[in-house]
Amino acid sequence: MTLTKLQKKFAEGIALGMKQGQAARYAGYSEKSADTQAYNNMKNVEILAFADELIEAQKSMLKRRFSGLASIAVDKTIDILQDVDASPQARLNAAKMILDYAGMEEPKQLNVTADVNQSNPFEGLTTDELRKLIDDG
């Protein structure tokens, strides 16, 4: 099935992040039927697939547009990390960003609880008996 101009425009609205009713009005559906048309369009797999294609195209375009800036951002982050005049918080944030970018994870905090039952071999000895043991050492 080929999508109509209204359906394509609706998918475009969805890809732009509009709510369903907004996308229907953006597409040109009448105010009276917009919400119903939006509901029906959201059940149409071809419209949803077209919206997904538009979203992927937007992501791809943004990725190409900003790919050159990524290396500049990493360089600036390294500069902040190495800047002795930068605040400790800024340097810590820069270090975290670099580690995140490199795929490193923060250490996980472990909580360990245990019941330890151990008998004391010196329990019941007097102070004099303990001193004698130490002296005989």
N, C-alpha and C. Protein backbone atom coordinates (compact mmCIF):
# COMPACT_ATOMS: atom_id res chain seq x y z
N MET A 1 0.83 -1.18 0.00
CA MET A 1 0.00 0.00 0.00
C MET A 1 0.88 1.25 0.00
N THR A 2 0.54 2.20 -0.82
CA THR A 2 1.28 3.45 -0.88
C THR A 2 0.64 4.43 0.10
N LEU A 3 1.48 5.14 0.85
CA LEU A 3 0.96 6.10 1.81
C LEU A 3 0.47 7.35 1.09
N THR A 4 -0.58 7.93 1.63
CA THR A 4 -1.09 9.19 1.09
C THR A 4 -0.20 10.33 1.56
N LYS A 5 -0.40 11.50 0.96
CA LYS A 5 0.38 12.67 1.38
C LYS A 5 0.12 12.99 2.85
N LEU A 6 -1.14 12.87 3.28
CA LEU A 6 -1.47 13.15 4.68
C LEU A 6 -0.79 12.16 5.62
N GLN A 7 -0.76 10.89 5.23
CA GLN A 7 -0.11 9.87 6.07
C GLN A 7 1.39 10.12 6.16
N LYS A 8 2.01 10.48 5.05
CA LYS A 8 3.44 10.78 5.06
C LYS A 8 3.73 12.00 5.94
N LYS A 9 2.88 13.02 5.82
CA LYS A 9 3.07 14.23 6.62
C LYS A 9 2.84 13.91 8.10
N PHE A 10 1.88 13.03 8.39
CA PHE A 10 1.65 12.59 9.77
C PHE A 10 2.90 11.91 10.32
N ALA A 11 3.47 11.00 9.53
CA ALA A 11 4.69 10.30 9.95
C ALA A 11 5.82 11.29 10.18
N GLU A 12 5.90 12.31 9.35
CA GLU A 12 6.91 13.35 9.51
C GLU A 12 6.73 14.05 10.86
N GLY A 13 5.47 14.37 11.19
CA GLY A 13 5.19 15.00 12.48
C GLY A 13 5.61 14.12 13.64
N ILE A 14 5.32 12.83 13.54
CA ILE A 14 5.73 11.89 14.60
C ILE A 14 7.25 11.85 14.69
N ALA A 15 7.93 11.82 13.56
CA ALA A 15 9.40 11.79 13.54
C ALA A 15 9.99 13.06 14.14
N LEU A 16 9.26 14.17 14.03
CA LEU A 16 9.72 15.44 14.60
C LEU A 16 9.46 15.52 16.11
N GLY A 17 8.77 14.50 16.64
CA GLY A 17 8.55 14.44 18.08
C GLY A 17 7.21 14.99 18.54
N MET A 18 6.32 15.22 17.60
CA MET A 18 4.99 15.74 17.96
C MET A 18 4.15 14.64 18.59
N LYS A 19 3.19 15.05 19.41
CA LYS A 19 2.21 14.10 19.92
C LYS A 19 1.31 13.71 18.76
N GLN A 20 0.58 12.63 18.92
CA GLN A 20 -0.21 12.07 17.82
C GLN A 20 -1.21 13.07 17.25
N GLY A 21 -1.99 13.72 18.11
CA GLY A 21 -2.98 14.69 17.65
C GLY A 21 -2.32 15.87 16.95
N GLN A 22 -1.19 16.33 17.51
CA GLN A 22 -0.45 17.43 16.89
C GLN A 22 0.02 17.04 15.50
N ALA A 23 0.54 15.82 15.38
CA ALA A 23 1.04 15.35 14.09
C ALA A 23 -0.08 15.28 13.06
N ALA A 24 -1.27 14.87 13.50
CA ALA A 24 -2.41 14.80 12.58
C ALA A 24 -2.80 16.20 12.11
N ARG A 25 -2.81 17.17 13.01
CA ARG A 25 -3.14 18.55 12.62
C ARG A 25 -2.04 19.11 11.71
N TYR A 26 -0.79 18.80 12.03
CA TYR A 26 0.35 19.22 11.21
C TYR A 26 0.23 18.66 9.79
N ALA A 27 -0.27 17.42 9.71
CA ALA A 27 -0.41 16.76 8.41
C ALA A 27 -1.52 17.39 7.58
N GLY A 28 -2.48 18.02 8.26
CA GLY A 28 -3.56 18.65 7.52
C GLY A 28 -4.92 18.01 7.72
N TYR A 29 -5.01 17.06 8.65
CA TYR A 29 -6.31 16.50 8.96
C TYR A 29 -7.16 17.59 9.63
N SER A 30 -8.46 17.53 9.46
CA SER A 30 -9.35 18.54 10.03
C SER A 30 -9.31 18.46 11.55
N GLU A 31 -9.60 19.56 12.18
CA GLU A 31 -9.62 19.62 13.64
C GLU A 31 -10.59 18.58 14.20
N LYS A 32 -11.68 18.39 13.50
CA LYS A 32 -12.73 17.47 13.94
C LYS A 32 -12.27 16.01 13.90
N SER A 33 -11.48 15.65 12.89
CA SER A 33 -11.10 14.23 12.73
C SER A 33 -9.66 13.93 13.11
N ALA A 34 -8.91 14.94 13.52
CA ALA A 34 -7.47 14.76 13.75
C ALA A 34 -7.15 13.67 14.77
N ASP A 35 -7.84 13.69 15.91
CA ASP A 35 -7.52 12.70 16.95
C ASP A 35 -7.87 11.28 16.51
N THR A 36 -8.97 11.12 15.83
CA THR A 36 -9.36 9.80 15.32
C THR A 36 -8.38 9.32 14.26
N GLN A 37 -8.01 10.22 13.36
CA GLN A 37 -7.05 9.86 12.31
C GLN A 37 -5.70 9.50 12.93
N ALA A 38 -5.30 10.26 13.95
CA ALA A 38 -4.03 9.96 14.63
C ALA A 38 -4.07 8.57 15.24
N TYR A 39 -5.16 8.24 15.91
CA TYR A 39 -5.32 6.92 16.53
C TYR A 39 -5.21 5.82 15.47
N ASN A 40 -5.91 6.00 14.37
CA ASN A 40 -5.88 5.00 13.29
C ASN A 40 -4.50 4.91 12.65
N ASN A 41 -3.88 6.06 12.43
CA ASN A 41 -2.54 6.07 11.81
C ASN A 41 -1.50 5.36 12.68
N MET A 42 -1.65 5.47 13.99
CA MET A 42 -0.68 4.84 14.89
C MET A 42 -0.83 3.32 14.91
N LYS A 43 -1.87 2.80 14.32
CA LYS A 43 -2.03 1.35 14.20
C LYS A 43 -1.57 0.85 12.83
N ASN A 44 -1.24 1.78 11.95
CA ASN A 44 -0.83 1.42 10.58
C ASN A 44 0.68 1.18 10.56
N VAL A 45 1.10 -0.08 10.37
CA VAL A 45 2.52 -0.42 10.43
C VAL A 45 3.33 0.27 9.33
N GLU A 46 2.72 0.55 8.20
CA GLU A 46 3.45 1.22 7.12
C GLU A 46 3.75 2.68 7.47
N ILE A 47 2.80 3.33 8.13
CA ILE A 47 3.04 4.70 8.57
C ILE A 47 4.13 4.72 9.64
N LEU A 48 4.05 3.79 10.57
CA LEU A 48 5.05 3.72 11.64
C LEU A 48 6.43 3.40 11.08
N ALA A 49 6.48 2.51 10.09
CA ALA A 49 7.77 2.18 9.46
C ALA A 49 8.34 3.40 8.75
N PHE A 50 7.48 4.18 8.09
CA PHE A 50 7.94 5.39 7.42
C PHE A 50 8.45 6.40 8.44
N ALA A 51 7.75 6.54 9.56
CA ALA A 51 8.21 7.44 10.63
C ALA A 51 9.57 6.97 11.15
N ASP A 52 9.75 5.66 11.32
CA ASP A 52 11.04 5.12 11.77
C ASP A 52 12.15 5.43 10.77
N GLU A 53 11.85 5.32 9.48
CA GLU A 53 12.83 5.65 8.43
C GLU A 53 13.24 7.11 8.54
N LEU A 54 12.26 7.98 8.75
CA LEU A 54 12.56 9.42 8.87
C LEU A 54 13.42 9.70 10.11
N ILE A 55 13.11 9.02 11.20
CA ILE A 55 13.89 9.20 12.43
C ILE A 55 15.33 8.73 12.21
N GLU A 56 15.50 7.58 11.58
CA GLU A 56 16.84 7.06 11.30
C GLU A 56 17.61 8.00 10.38
N ALA A 57 16.93 8.57 9.41
CA ALA A 57 17.58 9.52 8.50
C ALA A 57 18.03 10.76 9.27
N GLN A 58 17.20 11.22 10.20
CA GLN A 58 17.57 12.38 11.03
C GLN A 58 18.80 12.06 11.89
N LYS A 59 18.80 10.87 12.50
CA LYS A 59 19.93 10.46 13.33
C LYS A 59 21.21 10.40 12.50
N SER A 60 21.10 9.82 11.32
CA SER A 60 22.26 9.69 10.44
C SER A 60 22.79 11.07 10.04
N MET A 61 21.88 11.99 9.71
CA MET A 61 22.28 13.34 9.33
C MET A 61 22.98 14.04 10.50
N LEU A 62 22.42 13.91 11.69
CA LEU A 62 23.04 14.54 12.86
C LEU A 62 24.40 13.93 13.16
N LYS A 63 24.50 12.62 12.99
CA LYS A 63 25.77 11.94 13.25
C LYS A 63 26.85 12.46 12.30
N ARG A 64 26.49 12.59 11.03
CA ARG A 64 27.45 13.14 10.05
C ARG A 64 27.79 14.59 10.38
N ARG A 65 26.77 15.34 10.76
CA ARG A 65 26.98 16.77 11.03
C ARG A 65 27.91 16.99 12.21
N PHE A 66 27.78 16.16 13.24
CA PHE A 66 28.55 16.38 14.46
C PHE A 66 29.78 15.49 14.59
N SER A 67 30.02 14.61 13.63
CA SER A 67 31.15 13.69 13.77
C SER A 67 32.48 14.44 13.85
N GLY A 68 32.63 15.51 13.10
CA GLY A 68 33.87 16.28 13.16
C GLY A 68 34.05 16.99 14.48
N LEU A 69 32.95 17.34 15.13
CA LEU A 69 33.03 18.04 16.40
C LEU A 69 33.36 17.12 17.57
N ALA A 70 33.14 15.83 17.39
CA ALA A 70 33.40 14.89 18.48
C ALA A 70 34.87 14.90 18.88
N SER A 71 35.78 14.91 17.92
CA SER A 71 37.20 14.92 18.26
C SER A 71 37.59 16.22 18.95
N ILE A 72 36.97 17.32 18.54
CA ILE A 72 37.24 18.61 19.20
C ILE A 72 36.75 18.55 20.65
N ALA A 73 35.56 17.98 20.87
CA ALA A 73 35.02 17.87 22.22
C ALA A 73 35.91 17.02 23.10
N VAL A 74 36.43 15.92 22.56
CA VAL A 74 37.33 15.06 23.34
C VAL A 74 38.61 15.83 23.68
N ASP A 75 39.16 16.56 22.72
CA ASP A 75 40.38 17.34 22.97
C ASP A 75 40.14 18.39 24.06
N LYS A 76 39.00 19.07 24.02
CA LYS A 76 38.68 20.09 25.03
C LYS A 76 38.51 19.45 26.40
N THR A 77 37.91 18.27 26.44
CA THR A 77 37.73 17.56 27.70
C THR A 77 39.08 17.18 28.29
N ILE A 78 39.99 16.73 27.45
CA ILE A 78 41.35 16.40 27.91
C ILE A 78 42.05 17.65 28.41
N ASP A 79 41.86 18.78 27.72
CA ASP A 79 42.45 20.04 28.17
C ASP A 79 41.98 20.40 29.57
N ILE A 80 40.68 20.23 29.83
CA ILE A 80 40.14 20.52 31.16
C ILE A 80 40.74 19.59 32.20
N LEU A 81 40.87 18.33 31.87
CA LEU A 81 41.44 17.36 32.78
C LEU A 81 42.87 17.73 33.17
N GLN A 82 43.63 18.23 32.21
CA GLN A 82 45.04 18.55 32.45
C GLN A 82 45.28 19.97 32.96
N ASP A 83 44.25 20.80 32.99
CA ASP A 83 44.37 22.19 33.41
C ASP A 83 44.43 22.27 34.94
N VAL A 84 45.61 22.61 35.47
CA VAL A 84 45.78 22.67 36.93
C VAL A 84 44.98 23.82 37.54
N ASP A 85 44.58 24.80 36.74
CA ASP A 85 43.79 25.92 37.25
C ASP A 85 42.28 25.63 37.24
N ALA A 86 41.88 24.54 36.61
CA ALA A 86 40.46 24.18 36.58
C ALA A 86 40.06 23.68 37.96
N SER A 87 38.79 23.85 38.29
CA SER A 87 38.31 23.39 39.60
C SER A 87 38.41 21.88 39.69
N PRO A 88 38.60 21.37 40.89
CA PRO A 88 38.66 19.92 41.05
C PRO A 88 37.41 19.21 40.51
N GLN A 89 36.24 19.85 40.69
CA GLN A 89 35.00 19.23 40.20
C GLN A 89 34.99 19.16 38.67
N ALA A 90 35.48 20.23 38.02
CA ALA A 90 35.53 20.24 36.55
C ALA A 90 36.49 19.16 36.05
N ARG A 91 37.62 19.02 36.73
CA ARG A 91 38.60 18.00 36.32
C ARG A 91 38.05 16.60 36.54
N LEU A 92 37.34 16.40 37.67
CA LEU A 92 36.73 15.10 37.94
C LEU A 92 35.66 14.77 36.89
N ASN A 93 34.84 15.75 36.56
CA ASN A 93 33.82 15.54 35.52
C ASN A 93 34.45 15.20 34.18
N ALA A 94 35.54 15.88 33.85
CA ALA A 94 36.25 15.61 32.59
C ALA A 94 36.79 14.18 32.59
N ALA A 95 37.36 13.77 33.71
CA ALA A 95 37.90 12.40 33.81
C ALA A 95 36.78 11.38 33.64
N LYS A 96 35.63 11.61 34.29
CA LYS A 96 34.50 10.69 34.16
C LYS A 96 34.02 10.62 32.71
N MET A 97 33.95 11.77 32.04
CA MET A 97 33.50 11.79 30.65
C MET A 97 34.45 11.00 29.75
N ILE A 98 35.74 11.16 29.98
CA ILE A 98 36.73 10.45 29.17
C ILE A 98 36.60 8.94 29.40
N LEU A 99 36.47 8.55 30.67
CA LEU A 99 36.32 7.13 30.98
C LEU A 99 35.02 6.56 30.40
N ASP A 100 33.94 7.33 30.49
CA ASP A 100 32.69 6.89 29.89
C ASP A 100 32.84 6.70 28.39
N TYR A 101 33.47 7.67 27.74
CA TYR A 101 33.67 7.61 26.30
C TYR A 101 34.51 6.39 25.92
N ALA A 102 35.47 6.04 26.80
CA ALA A 102 36.36 4.91 26.54
C ALA A 102 35.69 3.58 26.88
N GLY A 103 34.48 3.64 27.45
CA GLY A 103 33.76 2.41 27.77
C GLY A 103 34.07 1.85 29.14
N MET A 104 34.74 2.63 29.97
CA MET A 104 35.06 2.17 31.32
C MET A 104 33.84 2.38 32.21
N GLU A 105 33.71 1.57 33.23
CA GLU A 105 32.60 1.69 34.16
C GLU A 105 33.11 2.06 35.53
N GLU A 106 32.25 2.76 36.28
CA GLU A 106 32.59 3.07 37.66
C GLU A 106 32.62 1.76 38.45
N PRO A 107 33.50 1.69 39.44
CA PRO A 107 33.52 0.47 40.26
C PRO A 107 32.16 0.29 40.94
N LYS A 108 31.71 -0.92 40.97
CA LYS A 108 30.45 -1.23 41.62
C LYS A 108 30.69 -1.32 43.12
N GLN A 109 29.74 -0.79 43.88
CA GLN A 109 29.85 -0.87 45.33
C GLN A 109 29.26 -2.19 45.79
N LEU A 110 30.03 -2.92 46.58
CA LEU A 110 29.56 -4.21 47.07
C LEU A 110 29.22 -4.10 48.54
N ASN A 111 28.10 -4.63 48.91
CA ASN A 111 27.70 -4.71 50.31
C ASN A 111 27.71 -6.18 50.69
N VAL A 112 28.58 -6.51 51.63
CA VAL A 112 28.72 -7.90 52.06
C VAL A 112 28.37 -7.98 53.53
N THR A 113 27.51 -8.89 53.86
CA THR A 113 27.19 -9.14 55.26
C THR A 113 27.45 -10.62 55.54
N ALA A 114 27.90 -10.88 56.75
CA ALA A 114 28.17 -12.26 57.12
C ALA A 114 28.10 -12.40 58.63
N ASP A 115 27.72 -13.56 59.07
CA ASP A 115 27.76 -13.90 60.49
C ASP A 115 29.02 -14.72 60.72
N VAL A 116 29.87 -14.22 61.57
CA VAL A 116 31.11 -14.93 61.86
C VAL A 116 31.07 -15.38 63.31
N ASN A 117 31.14 -16.65 63.48
CA ASN A 117 31.18 -17.23 64.82
C ASN A 117 32.52 -17.90 65.01
N GLN A 118 33.32 -17.30 65.85
CA GLN A 118 34.65 -17.85 66.07
C GLN A 118 34.89 -17.85 67.58
N SER A 119 35.37 -18.96 68.10
CA SER A 119 35.62 -19.03 69.54
C SER A 119 36.97 -18.40 69.85
N ASN A 120 37.06 -17.77 70.99
CA ASN A 120 38.29 -17.12 71.44
C ASN A 120 39.04 -18.10 72.34
N PRO A 121 40.22 -18.56 71.89
CA PRO A 121 40.95 -19.54 72.71
C PRO A 121 41.48 -18.95 74.02
N PHE A 122 41.51 -17.64 74.13
CA PHE A 122 42.04 -17.00 75.34
C PHE A 122 40.93 -16.54 76.29
N GLU A 123 39.72 -16.80 75.89
CA GLU A 123 38.59 -16.40 76.72
C GLU A 123 38.65 -17.15 78.05
N GLY A 124 38.43 -16.44 79.09
CA GLY A 124 38.43 -17.07 80.41
C GLY A 124 39.78 -17.01 81.12
N LEU A 125 40.86 -16.61 80.40
CA LEU A 125 42.17 -16.49 81.06
C LEU A 125 42.24 -15.17 81.81
N THR A 126 42.92 -15.21 82.92
CA THR A 126 43.11 -13.99 83.71
C THR A 126 44.22 -13.16 83.09
N THR A 127 44.35 -11.93 83.56
CA THR A 127 45.40 -11.04 83.05
C THR A 127 46.76 -11.63 83.33
N ASP A 128 46.95 -12.21 84.48
CA ASP A 128 48.25 -12.81 84.83
C ASP A 128 48.57 -14.00 83.91
N GLU A 129 47.57 -14.79 83.60
CA GLU A 129 47.78 -15.94 82.73
C GLU A 129 48.13 -15.47 81.30
N LEU A 130 47.47 -14.40 80.84
CA LEU A 130 47.78 -13.85 79.53
C LEU A 130 49.20 -13.29 79.49
N ARG A 131 49.62 -12.59 80.55
CA ARG A 131 50.99 -12.06 80.61
C ARG A 131 52.02 -13.19 80.58
N LYS A 132 51.74 -14.27 81.29
CA LYS A 132 52.65 -15.40 81.30
C LYS A 132 52.80 -16.01 79.89
N LEU A 133 51.68 -16.10 79.15
CA LEU A 133 51.72 -16.60 77.79
C LEU A 133 52.59 -15.69 76.89
N ILE A 134 52.44 -14.40 77.09
CA ILE A 134 53.22 -13.45 76.28
C ILE A 134 54.70 -13.56 76.62
N ASP A 135 55.00 -13.63 77.88
CA ASP A 135 56.40 -13.73 78.31
C ASP A 135 57.05 -15.03 77.85
N ASP A 136 56.29 -16.12 77.86
CA ASP A 136 56.83 -17.40 77.45
C ASP A 136 56.97 -17.47 75.93
N GLY A 137 56.21 -16.59 75.22
CA GLY A 137 56.13 -16.43 73.81
C GLY A 137 56.88 -17.21 72.91
